[in-house]
Amino acid sequence: MSVTHELGEVVAERRLEAVAEDGTRTPVIVRLGTPEPDPHPEARGDWHCPRQILGLGDEAVATSYGVDSLQAFLLSVYATRLQLEERARVASVRLNWLGQEGLGLEADPRI
């Protein structure tokens, strides 16, 4: 049985471009919803954070789970990055953000 998730209120959004070998550019939008307590009775206080990728394959809303809202959000960002990389590989496109190679979905305070 497939579980359907709702995106809810969008709390973060990133606009990327998928660039094909011929130079064709397609907008790709990543949306993260508000982390919320997991409604399932067995969740025991866990949280989930919905996410959606538009413009690069399946546009269904997925979700990531964590022990608190921050972990759920961070895991959703991580899962989004992995999904984008895989979808770009399958579609034979490069993804860029602000004209740069890369997705800008990693933060390292040392940089």
Protein backbone atom coordinates (compact mmCIF):
# COMPACT_ATOMS: atom_id res chain seq x y z
CA MET A 1 0.00 0.00 0.00
CA SER A 2 1.39 3.40 -1.00
CA VAL A 3 1.40 6.15 1.61
CA THR A 4 0.40 9.63 0.44
CA HIS A 5 2.00 12.61 2.17
CA GLU A 6 0.90 16.23 2.14
CA LEU A 7 3.49 18.97 1.68
CA GLY A 8 1.62 21.44 3.87
CA GLU A 9 3.12 24.86 4.46
CA VAL A 10 6.38 25.34 2.56
CA VAL A 11 9.14 26.54 4.90
CA ALA A 12 12.06 26.31 2.47
CA GLU A 13 12.40 26.38 -1.30
CA ARG A 14 15.34 26.13 -3.69
CA ARG A 15 15.24 26.81 -7.43
CA LEU A 16 17.74 24.93 -9.57
CA GLU A 17 18.23 24.33 -13.26
CA ALA A 18 18.61 21.02 -15.04
CA VAL A 19 20.96 21.58 -17.98
CA ALA A 20 20.95 19.05 -20.82
CA GLU A 21 23.96 18.33 -23.03
CA ASP A 22 22.44 20.50 -25.78
CA GLY A 23 22.19 23.43 -23.36
CA THR A 24 18.44 23.18 -22.80
CA ARG A 25 17.57 24.43 -19.33
CA THR A 26 14.63 23.20 -17.27
CA PRO A 27 13.63 24.68 -13.93
CA VAL A 28 13.69 22.36 -10.94
CA ILE A 29 12.08 23.39 -7.66
CA VAL A 30 12.71 21.78 -4.29
CA ARG A 31 10.19 22.42 -1.53
CA LEU A 32 10.39 21.41 2.12
CA GLY A 33 7.31 21.47 4.29
CA THR A 34 7.01 22.24 7.98
CA PRO A 35 8.30 19.45 10.22
CA GLU A 36 5.45 18.00 12.26
CA PRO A 37 4.99 15.30 14.87
CA ASP A 38 4.52 11.90 13.24
CA PRO A 39 0.79 11.12 13.58
CA HIS A 40 1.23 7.34 13.70
CA PRO A 41 0.53 5.88 17.17
CA GLU A 42 3.76 3.84 17.17
CA ALA A 43 5.88 6.95 16.41
CA ARG A 44 6.55 7.67 20.11
CA GLY A 45 7.33 11.34 19.67
CA ASP A 46 9.12 11.14 16.31
CA TRP A 47 8.74 13.86 13.70
CA HIS A 48 8.51 13.94 9.92
CA CYS A 49 9.41 16.56 7.32
CA PRO A 50 7.76 16.43 3.88
CA ARG A 51 9.65 17.26 0.70
CA GLN A 52 8.88 17.59 -2.99
CA ILE A 53 10.93 17.93 -6.18
CA LEU A 54 9.22 19.54 -9.16
CA GLY A 55 10.51 19.40 -12.72
CA LEU A 56 12.74 16.33 -12.59
CA GLY A 57 10.74 13.11 -12.55
CA ASP A 58 8.27 11.97 -9.92
CA GLU A 59 6.63 14.95 -8.20
CA ALA A 60 5.05 13.00 -5.34
CA VAL A 61 5.58 14.30 -1.82
CA ALA A 62 7.96 12.15 0.22
CA THR A 63 8.92 12.52 3.86
CA SER A 64 11.87 11.94 6.17
CA TYR A 65 11.61 10.98 9.83
CA GLY A 66 13.66 12.03 12.84
CA VAL A 67 13.57 11.99 16.61
CA ASP A 68 12.86 15.73 16.64
CA SER A 69 11.90 18.43 14.16
CA LEU A 70 15.48 19.47 13.39
CA GLN A 71 16.66 15.94 12.63
CA ALA A 72 13.62 15.35 10.41
CA PHE A 73 14.35 18.60 8.53
CA LEU A 74 18.06 17.85 8.09
CA LEU A 75 17.35 14.29 6.93
CA SER A 76 14.82 15.66 4.45
CA VAL A 77 17.47 18.00 3.01
CA TYR A 78 19.93 15.10 2.81
CA ALA A 79 17.40 12.80 1.11
CA THR A 80 16.51 15.59 -1.33
CA ARG A 81 20.16 15.99 -2.33
CA LEU A 82 20.49 12.24 -2.94
CA GLN A 83 17.27 12.14 -4.96
CA LEU A 84 18.33 15.11 -7.08
CA GLU A 85 21.71 13.57 -7.83
CA GLU A 86 20.12 10.26 -8.85
CA ARG A 87 17.42 11.88 -10.98
CA ALA A 88 19.99 14.07 -12.73
CA ARG A 89 22.10 11.00 -13.48
CA VAL A 90 19.12 9.10 -14.89
CA ALA A 91 18.00 12.11 -16.98
CA SER A 92 21.57 12.79 -18.17
CA VAL A 93 21.46 16.41 -17.03
CA ARG A 94 23.65 18.60 -14.86
CA LEU A 95 22.08 20.51 -12.02
CA ASN A 96 23.20 23.98 -11.13
CA TRP A 97 22.22 26.63 -8.65
CA LEU A 98 22.86 30.33 -9.19
CA GLY A 99 24.87 29.49 -12.29
CA GLN A 100 27.23 27.24 -10.35
CA GLU A 101 27.72 23.51 -10.56
CA GLY A 102 26.32 21.93 -7.45
CA LEU A 103 23.11 22.13 -5.51
CA GLY A 104 23.97 24.31 -2.55
CA LEU A 105 22.34 21.76 -0.25
CA GLU A 106 25.33 21.27 2.00
CA ALA A 107 26.53 23.69 4.62
CA ASP A 108 30.01 23.67 6.05
CA PRO A 109 30.69 26.56 8.45
CA ARG A 110 34.43 26.21 7.78
CA ILE A 111 33.98 27.45 4.19
